[in-house]
Amino acid sequence: MQRPARLAATLTLPLVLACAASPDAHADDPPQRFTERTEYHGIQVERLAAGLEHPWSVAFLPRGRFLVTERPGRLQRIDRDGSATRIGGLPDITARGQGGLLDVSLHPRFEENQLVYLSFSRAEGRRDTVLAVVRGRLVEDRLEDVEEIFVQNRASSPGRHYGSRIAWLPDGTLLLSIGDRGSEPMRAQDTRDHAGSLLRLNDDGTIPEDNPFVGNEDVLDAIYSTGHRNIQGLVVTPDGTVWATEHGPRGGDLLHRVQAGHNYGWPVVTQGLDYRTEREIREFEGRSAAGVTPHAHDFGPTLAPSGLAFVTSERFPRWEGNLLAGGLRAERIRRLTLIDNEVRHDEELLLQRIGRIRDVREGPDGHLYVLTDASDGALWRISPQ
C-alpha cells in the first residue's frame, strides 16, 4: 500500500531554499551554496530544495519545474521557488528494503501527451515483491489514466536489487533495468527470467519486433542484454550509445557500454568479492570468460554507483562528451572522459561534500542536477562558476 502522505495532496510544502539558512542546521550539514575547483572548470553547487525523504529520481518539467520520486511512495513536483506539491493518482507501492517508488521518466513527446512513467516495487503475496512500471497523464497535480505496462515475471524476496532505471532510445523505445533481486545471483543468467537483465519495450509496454532475442524460445522477448547484478545508472547518448553503471559485490562496481544481445557476465564473471567472506563468490568462474562482454571501466574501491549523466551542454565545454557517475557509499561524482567509447580519464568531484548521491542528470537548461539520498535528502544544481 502507498504510505500516508506527510501533507495533503492539495497543500504546498515549502522546502529549504538555497538562499535561506536553516536555523536548526547541524554543524556537519553541507552549506547551501559553495564553489569547487575541478581540473577544467570552476563549479558552483547550490541546494535548490531539501526535506525530501530518500529521493530516488528527478525528471524535468516545462517552466523550470521538476518531478522527484521519494522512495517511501511519494511523487513531488518541485517548483522554481523550492516548494513541493504532492502528485496524486499513484498506484499501490510497497516500500520495503531497497524498494518503493523508484525511477520517474517523461515520455520523449511529453509536451504533446503529458505521459509520465514510474518504476516501483509492489507486493505479490505476503512476502514477495515485483518490479512494475506504470504510465499516466500528468493533469495539474494528479496522474490520470494510469495503466501498468510492465510487471516482472517472477516475484521474490528480499526487497533488494530492483535496478529500476528507465532510459529512452532515439527510436522512442524504452530501456528498463532489473537487478538480480539479491538472493539468487544466477537469475541474471536465466534468460527466461526478467531479473538481472536490461529490457527494451515500446512506449506502451509491448515488445519491439526487432529486439535481439525475438523468436528465440529460450530467451524472453523483452530482454535486451543479460548478466547484470543491479544497474542503477543508465543513460543513452544522442547517437544511441547505451551506458550503464552497475553495483557489484565488494570492489566490483562497473561501467558497461551496453549492446543489444550481449551478456555482461554476472555472477560467473565479476571483479568483486563476497561481502561477508571477502573471498570470491560461489558462482565465480573468472575475471573474464568466453561469450561475456568485458566491462568498460572498473571503479575500483566501492563507489556504489547510482545515477548517470552524459554531458552535452556547452556550459561545461571541457566536459562535453563525458559521463558523470554518482556514488552512494563514496559520496562523490566520478567524471569519466571518453575517447572512442573508452574511458581515458577518471576525476572525482564533490568528495563527501553533499552526501550519498542517488541521481545525476543533465537538465534541459544545460545545468547538472543531483539528488542526495537521505531521510532529509536534497536537490542540488551544479553550474559553471
Protein backbone atom coordinates (compact mmCIF):
# COMPACT_ATOMS: atom_id res chain seq x y z
CA MET A 1 0.00 0.00 0.00
CA GLN A 2 1.09 3.56 -0.60
CA ARG A 3 2.34 5.16 2.61
CA PRO A 4 0.31 8.04 4.12
CA ALA A 5 1.21 11.47 2.86
CA ARG A 6 3.07 13.85 5.12
CA LEU A 7 0.74 16.57 3.90
CA ALA A 8 -2.49 16.56 1.94
CA ALA A 9 -2.01 16.46 -1.79
CA THR A 10 -3.65 19.85 -2.20
CA LEU A 11 -1.21 21.62 0.11
CA THR A 12 2.09 23.12 -0.91
CA LEU A 13 5.06 22.27 1.29
CA PRO A 14 7.79 24.92 1.48
CA LEU A 15 11.21 23.30 1.25
CA VAL A 16 14.54 24.71 2.26
CA LEU A 17 15.71 27.14 -0.42
CA ALA A 18 19.27 27.61 -1.42
CA CYS A 19 19.16 31.22 -0.30
CA ALA A 20 17.57 30.61 3.11
CA ALA A 21 19.61 29.42 6.10
CA SER A 22 18.15 26.69 8.30
CA PRO A 23 18.12 27.85 11.94
CA ASP A 24 18.47 24.31 13.32
CA ALA A 25 21.02 23.01 10.81
CA HIS A 26 23.57 20.59 12.22
CA ALA A 27 27.17 21.65 12.30
CA ASP A 28 28.09 18.96 9.78
CA ASP A 29 25.34 19.86 7.31
CA PRO A 30 26.70 20.89 3.91
CA PRO A 31 26.46 24.60 3.07
CA GLN A 32 23.55 25.52 0.83
CA ARG A 33 25.85 27.07 -1.77
CA PHE A 34 29.57 26.58 -2.34
CA THR A 35 32.16 26.56 -5.09
CA GLU A 36 34.72 23.95 -6.08
CA ARG A 37 37.63 23.94 -8.47
CA THR A 38 37.87 20.90 -10.74
CA GLU A 39 40.56 20.02 -13.26
CA TYR A 40 38.88 22.01 -16.04
CA HIS A 41 36.05 24.08 -14.58
CA GLY A 42 35.18 26.06 -11.53
CA ILE A 43 31.70 24.99 -10.44
CA GLN A 44 29.02 26.42 -8.18
CA VAL A 45 26.92 23.91 -6.25
CA GLU A 46 23.58 25.16 -4.96
CA ARG A 47 20.89 23.41 -2.94
CA LEU A 48 17.50 24.06 -4.53
CA ALA A 49 15.27 22.09 -2.17
CA ALA A 50 15.61 19.92 0.93
CA GLY A 51 13.24 17.94 3.14
CA LEU A 52 12.88 15.14 0.58
CA GLU A 53 12.60 11.65 2.08
CA HIS A 54 15.02 9.33 0.30
CA PRO A 55 14.61 10.93 -3.14
CA TRP A 56 15.44 8.49 -5.91
CA SER A 57 14.98 10.16 -9.29
CA VAL A 58 14.41 13.56 -10.88
CA ALA A 59 12.75 14.47 -14.20
CA PHE A 60 12.41 17.89 -15.80
CA LEU A 61 9.05 19.54 -16.39
CA PRO A 62 8.47 22.62 -18.54
CA ARG A 63 8.92 26.09 -16.98
CA GLY A 64 11.84 25.05 -14.81
CA ARG A 65 9.94 22.65 -12.55
CA PHE A 66 10.89 19.11 -11.51
CA LEU A 67 9.29 15.79 -10.67
CA VAL A 68 11.06 13.94 -7.85
CA THR A 69 10.28 10.47 -6.54
CA GLU A 70 10.58 9.71 -2.84
CA ARG A 71 11.21 6.03 -2.16
CA PRO A 72 8.52 5.69 0.57
CA GLY A 73 5.93 6.22 -2.18
CA ARG A 74 5.50 9.91 -2.98
CA LEU A 75 5.89 11.85 -6.22
CA GLN A 76 6.61 15.54 -5.67
CA ARG A 77 6.52 18.45 -8.08
CA ILE A 78 9.22 20.93 -7.15
CA ASP A 79 8.52 24.47 -8.28
CA ARG A 80 11.09 27.16 -9.04
CA ASP A 81 10.73 28.65 -5.56
CA GLY A 82 11.67 25.32 -3.95
CA SER A 83 8.16 24.43 -2.81
CA ALA A 84 6.81 20.91 -3.32
CA THR A 85 3.33 19.68 -4.21
CA ARG A 86 2.46 16.01 -3.88
CA ILE A 87 1.12 14.40 -7.05
CA GLY A 88 -1.91 12.14 -6.61
CA GLY A 89 -3.13 9.13 -8.55
CA LEU A 90 -0.17 6.83 -7.93
CA PRO A 91 -0.53 3.03 -7.84
CA ASP A 92 -0.16 0.95 -4.67
CA ILE A 93 3.53 0.93 -3.80
CA THR A 94 5.36 -1.38 -1.40
CA ALA A 95 8.30 0.40 0.22
CA ARG A 96 10.29 -2.48 1.65
CA GLY A 97 14.06 -2.82 1.84
CA GLN A 98 15.51 -1.10 -1.23
CA GLY A 99 12.09 -0.99 -2.88
CA GLY A 100 9.43 1.68 -3.14
CA LEU A 101 8.82 4.41 -5.70
CA LEU A 102 11.97 4.47 -7.79
CA ASP A 103 12.53 5.99 -11.23
CA VAL A 104 10.50 8.69 -12.95
CA SER A 105 10.82 9.45 -16.65
CA LEU A 106 8.89 11.64 -19.07
CA HIS A 107 7.84 10.39 -22.48
CA PRO A 108 10.06 11.92 -25.21
CA ARG A 109 6.93 13.69 -26.52
CA PHE A 110 5.75 14.76 -23.07
CA GLU A 111 4.67 18.22 -24.20
CA GLU A 112 2.21 16.54 -26.59
CA ASN A 113 0.93 13.66 -24.44
CA GLN A 114 1.85 14.55 -20.79
CA LEU A 115 2.85 10.92 -20.15
CA VAL A 116 4.88 10.16 -17.03
CA TYR A 117 6.50 6.74 -16.42
CA LEU A 118 7.20 5.36 -12.94
CA SER A 119 9.07 2.23 -11.85
CA PHE A 120 8.26 0.86 -8.41
CA SER A 121 8.01 -2.25 -6.28
CA ARG A 122 4.67 -3.72 -5.32
CA ALA A 123 3.63 -6.63 -3.15
CA GLU A 124 2.98 -10.06 -4.59
CA GLY A 125 1.63 -12.20 -1.77
CA ARG A 126 2.70 -11.75 1.84
CA ARG A 127 6.48 -11.55 1.48
CA ASP A 128 7.40 -11.22 -2.17
CA THR A 129 7.60 -8.18 -4.41
CA VAL A 130 7.93 -7.48 -8.12
CA LEU A 131 9.18 -4.54 -10.13
CA ALA A 132 6.46 -2.85 -12.17
CA VAL A 133 6.13 0.16 -14.47
CA VAL A 134 3.09 2.37 -14.93
CA ARG A 135 2.41 5.35 -17.11
CA GLY A 136 -0.18 8.08 -16.68
CA ARG A 137 -1.02 11.56 -17.93
CA LEU A 138 0.01 14.41 -15.65
CA VAL A 139 -3.03 16.66 -15.28
CA GLU A 140 -2.32 19.50 -12.86
CA ASP A 141 -1.47 17.75 -9.57
CA ARG A 142 -2.59 14.23 -10.43
CA LEU A 143 -1.80 11.30 -12.72
CA GLU A 144 -4.82 10.30 -14.80
CA ASP A 145 -5.46 7.21 -16.95
CA VAL A 146 -2.76 5.28 -15.07
CA GLU A 147 -2.01 1.88 -16.62
CA GLU A 148 0.50 -0.81 -15.73
CA ILE A 149 2.59 -1.50 -18.81
CA PHE A 150 5.13 -3.93 -17.33
CA VAL A 151 5.42 -6.32 -14.40
CA GLN A 152 8.34 -8.59 -13.61
CA ASN A 153 7.59 -12.23 -14.39
CA ARG A 154 8.84 -13.72 -11.12
CA ALA A 155 8.17 -12.33 -7.64
CA SER A 156 10.75 -12.83 -4.91
CA SER A 157 12.18 -11.64 -1.65
CA PRO A 158 14.17 -9.97 -0.14
CA GLY A 159 13.44 -6.45 -1.33
CA ARG A 160 16.80 -5.76 -2.94
CA HIS A 161 18.42 -5.16 -6.32
CA TYR A 162 15.46 -3.80 -8.26
CA GLY A 163 17.56 -1.92 -10.81
CA SER A 164 14.60 0.21 -11.96
CA ARG A 165 16.26 2.79 -14.21
CA ILE A 166 14.40 3.92 -17.33
CA ALA A 167 16.07 5.46 -20.39
CA TRP A 168 14.85 6.23 -23.90
CA LEU A 169 16.47 5.19 -27.16
CA PRO A 170 16.38 7.53 -30.18
CA ASP A 171 13.68 5.36 -31.83
CA GLY A 172 11.24 6.03 -28.97
CA THR A 173 11.58 2.64 -27.28
CA LEU A 174 12.50 2.49 -23.61
CA LEU A 175 15.11 0.56 -21.68
CA LEU A 176 14.39 -0.75 -18.18
CA SER A 177 16.96 -2.26 -15.83
CA ILE A 178 16.08 -5.05 -13.41
CA GLY A 179 18.59 -6.31 -10.86
CA ASP A 180 19.12 -9.94 -9.85
CA ARG A 181 16.85 -9.29 -6.80
CA GLY A 182 19.61 -10.08 -4.32
CA SER A 183 19.04 -13.68 -3.25
CA GLU A 184 19.76 -15.84 -6.33
CA PRO A 185 22.58 -14.33 -8.41
CA MET A 186 22.24 -16.95 -11.17
CA ARG A 187 18.88 -15.46 -12.11
CA ALA A 188 20.98 -12.99 -14.12
CA GLN A 189 21.99 -15.90 -16.38
CA ASP A 190 18.47 -17.34 -16.66
CA THR A 191 17.12 -15.99 -19.92
CA ARG A 192 13.56 -16.99 -19.02
CA ASP A 193 13.67 -14.63 -16.03
CA HIS A 194 13.49 -10.82 -16.24
CA ALA A 195 15.84 -10.49 -13.24
CA GLY A 196 19.42 -9.46 -13.95
CA SER A 197 18.58 -8.01 -17.36
CA LEU A 198 18.18 -4.82 -19.31
CA LEU A 199 14.83 -4.86 -21.12
CA ARG A 200 13.63 -2.98 -24.20
CA LEU A 201 9.94 -2.11 -24.55
CA ASN A 202 7.74 0.02 -26.74
CA ASP A 203 6.27 3.05 -25.00
CA ASP A 204 3.05 1.11 -24.33
CA GLY A 205 4.87 -1.88 -22.82
CA THR A 206 4.63 -4.14 -25.87
CA ILE A 207 7.71 -5.86 -27.30
CA PRO A 208 9.59 -4.32 -30.24
CA GLU A 209 9.73 -6.75 -33.14
CA ASP A 210 13.45 -6.09 -33.63
CA ASN A 211 14.52 -6.96 -30.09
CA PRO A 212 17.64 -9.15 -30.23
CA PHE A 213 16.01 -12.37 -28.97
CA VAL A 214 12.56 -12.19 -30.55
CA GLY A 215 11.76 -15.64 -31.92
CA ASN A 216 14.23 -17.42 -29.64
CA GLU A 217 12.15 -19.68 -27.41
CA ASP A 218 14.95 -19.90 -24.85
CA VAL A 219 15.01 -16.14 -24.17
CA LEU A 220 12.27 -13.73 -23.13
CA ASP A 221 11.39 -11.40 -25.99
CA ALA A 222 11.79 -8.27 -23.83
CA ILE A 223 15.44 -8.93 -22.97
CA TYR A 224 17.98 -6.54 -24.48
CA SER A 225 21.06 -7.70 -22.53
CA THR A 226 21.79 -10.12 -19.68
CA GLY A 227 24.25 -10.78 -16.87
CA HIS A 228 23.57 -7.68 -14.78
CA ARG A 229 23.69 -7.53 -10.99
CA ASN A 230 21.99 -4.19 -10.34
CA ILE A 231 22.06 -1.33 -12.86
CA GLN A 232 21.13 1.97 -11.19
CA GLY A 233 22.81 4.35 -13.61
CA LEU A 234 21.56 4.37 -17.21
CA VAL A 235 21.92 6.94 -19.97
CA VAL A 236 21.60 6.98 -23.76
CA THR A 237 23.79 9.40 -25.70
CA PRO A 238 22.46 11.39 -28.68
CA ASP A 239 23.96 8.83 -31.09
CA GLY A 240 22.18 5.96 -29.31
CA THR A 241 25.10 4.55 -27.33
CA VAL A 242 23.89 2.99 -24.07
CA TRP A 243 25.98 3.39 -20.92
CA ALA A 244 25.17 1.78 -17.57
CA THR A 245 26.73 1.78 -14.11
CA GLU A 246 26.22 -1.30 -12.03
CA HIS A 247 26.60 -2.23 -8.38
CA GLY A 248 28.98 -5.13 -7.96
CA PRO A 249 29.87 -7.07 -4.86
CA ARG A 250 32.69 -5.61 -2.77
CA GLY A 251 35.04 -3.77 -5.11
CA GLY A 252 33.16 -4.80 -8.27
CA ASP A 253 31.32 -1.64 -9.34
CA LEU A 254 31.43 -1.31 -13.13
CA LEU A 255 30.63 0.82 -16.16
CA HIS A 256 29.26 -1.00 -19.21
CA ARG A 257 28.73 0.07 -22.80
CA VAL A 258 25.61 -1.99 -23.30
CA GLN A 259 24.99 -3.60 -26.68
CA ALA A 260 21.91 -5.50 -27.78
CA GLY A 261 22.10 -9.24 -27.26
CA HIS A 262 25.25 -9.21 -25.13
CA ASN A 263 25.90 -10.99 -21.83
CA TYR A 264 27.82 -8.99 -19.20
CA GLY A 265 28.67 -11.98 -17.06
CA TRP A 266 27.25 -11.61 -13.58
CA PRO A 267 27.69 -13.68 -11.44
CA VAL A 268 30.08 -16.05 -13.23
CA VAL A 269 32.32 -13.12 -14.19
CA THR A 270 32.89 -10.37 -11.63
CA GLN A 271 35.64 -8.06 -10.44
CA GLY A 272 34.43 -8.07 -6.82
CA LEU A 273 34.38 -10.27 -3.73
CA ASP A 274 31.70 -11.66 -1.44
CA TYR A 275 30.63 -9.03 1.10
CA ARG A 276 30.69 -11.44 4.04
CA THR A 277 33.76 -13.57 3.37
CA GLU A 278 35.78 -11.08 1.25
CA ARG A 279 36.58 -14.05 -0.97
CA GLU A 280 35.44 -14.97 -4.46
CA ILE A 281 31.69 -15.54 -4.65
CA ARG A 282 30.44 -19.11 -5.03
CA GLU A 283 29.40 -18.74 -8.69
CA PHE A 284 32.68 -17.08 -9.74
CA GLU A 285 34.45 -18.61 -12.75
CA GLY A 286 36.90 -15.86 -13.65
CA ARG A 287 37.56 -12.18 -14.37
CA SER A 288 36.64 -12.88 -17.99
CA ALA A 289 35.03 -15.68 -19.95
CA ALA A 290 34.10 -16.66 -23.49
CA GLY A 291 30.78 -15.18 -24.53
CA VAL A 292 30.93 -12.43 -21.90
CA THR A 293 31.35 -8.80 -22.96
CA PRO A 294 34.07 -7.08 -20.89
CA HIS A 295 33.21 -4.05 -18.77
CA ALA A 296 34.22 -0.60 -19.99
CA HIS A 297 35.57 0.64 -16.64
CA ASP A 298 36.16 -0.68 -13.14
CA PHE A 299 35.52 1.93 -10.45
CA GLY A 300 37.89 0.19 -8.03
CA PRO A 301 37.15 0.66 -4.31
CA THR A 302 33.43 0.76 -3.69
CA LEU A 303 31.58 3.63 -5.36
CA ALA A 304 28.07 2.14 -5.07
CA PRO A 305 27.07 3.79 -8.36
CA SER A 306 23.63 5.32 -8.85
CA GLY A 307 22.64 7.93 -11.40
CA LEU A 308 24.49 8.58 -14.65
CA ALA A 309 24.60 11.63 -16.92
CA PHE A 310 26.15 12.29 -20.33
CA VAL A 311 27.30 15.89 -20.74
CA THR A 312 26.20 17.64 -23.93
CA SER A 313 25.94 21.18 -22.55
CA GLU A 314 28.13 24.00 -23.82
CA ARG A 315 28.04 25.38 -20.28
CA PHE A 316 30.80 22.86 -19.49
CA PRO A 317 32.85 22.87 -22.71
CA ARG A 318 35.72 20.77 -21.31
CA TRP A 319 33.24 18.16 -20.04
CA GLU A 320 31.27 17.71 -23.26
CA GLY A 321 31.06 14.02 -24.14
CA ASN A 322 31.96 12.96 -20.58
CA LEU A 323 30.00 10.70 -18.24
CA LEU A 324 29.16 11.73 -14.67
CA ALA A 325 28.54 8.76 -12.36
CA GLY A 326 27.02 9.30 -8.92
CA GLY A 327 28.21 7.37 -5.89
CA LEU A 328 26.18 6.44 -2.82
CA ARG A 329 28.72 4.94 -0.46
CA ALA A 330 31.60 7.02 -1.83
CA GLU A 331 29.54 10.26 -1.64
CA ARG A 332 31.04 11.72 -4.79
CA ILE A 333 30.72 12.00 -8.57
CA ARG A 334 33.17 10.35 -10.93
CA ARG A 335 33.78 12.24 -14.19
CA LEU A 336 34.81 9.86 -16.95
CA THR A 337 36.48 11.15 -20.12
CA LEU A 338 35.53 9.06 -23.15
CA ILE A 339 37.62 8.74 -26.30
CA ASP A 340 36.35 6.33 -28.95
CA ASN A 341 33.96 4.84 -26.36
CA GLU A 342 36.82 4.05 -23.99
CA VAL A 343 37.41 5.64 -20.58
CA ARG A 344 40.71 7.52 -20.71
CA HIS A 345 40.48 9.60 -17.52
CA ASP A 346 38.61 9.48 -14.20
CA GLU A 347 38.23 12.54 -11.93
CA GLU A 348 36.48 12.69 -8.55
CA LEU A 349 34.13 15.60 -7.79
CA LEU A 350 32.26 16.71 -4.65
CA LEU A 351 34.21 14.35 -2.40
CA GLN A 352 31.92 13.76 0.60
CA ARG A 353 30.59 17.32 0.40
CA ILE A 354 26.84 16.81 -0.03
CA GLY A 355 26.17 13.19 0.98
CA ARG A 356 25.06 9.99 -0.75
CA ILE A 357 24.45 10.73 -4.43
CA ARG A 358 21.44 8.85 -5.80
CA ASP A 359 20.79 10.55 -9.15
CA VAL A 360 22.75 12.70 -11.61
CA ARG A 361 21.09 14.34 -14.62
CA GLU A 362 21.80 16.98 -17.22
CA GLY A 363 18.87 19.39 -17.36
CA PRO A 364 17.36 20.94 -20.47
CA ASP A 365 18.94 24.24 -19.40
CA GLY A 366 22.41 22.68 -19.57
CA HIS A 367 22.98 22.72 -15.81
CA LEU A 368 23.61 19.50 -13.90
CA TYR A 369 21.26 18.25 -11.18
CA VAL A 370 21.94 15.87 -8.32
CA LEU A 371 19.75 14.14 -5.73
CA THR A 372 21.15 13.09 -2.36
CA ASP A 373 19.65 10.01 -0.72
CA ALA A 374 18.83 10.58 2.97
CA SER A 375 15.84 10.93 5.25
CA ASP A 376 16.34 14.67 4.67
CA GLY A 377 17.52 14.44 1.07
CA ALA A 378 18.01 17.35 -1.29
CA LEU A 379 18.01 18.50 -4.91
CA TRP A 380 21.19 20.30 -5.99
CA ARG A 381 22.21 22.22 -9.10
CA ILE A 382 25.76 22.37 -10.48
CA SER A 383 26.57 25.42 -12.62
CA PRO A 384 29.79 26.77 -14.12
CA GLN A 385 31.39 29.38 -11.91
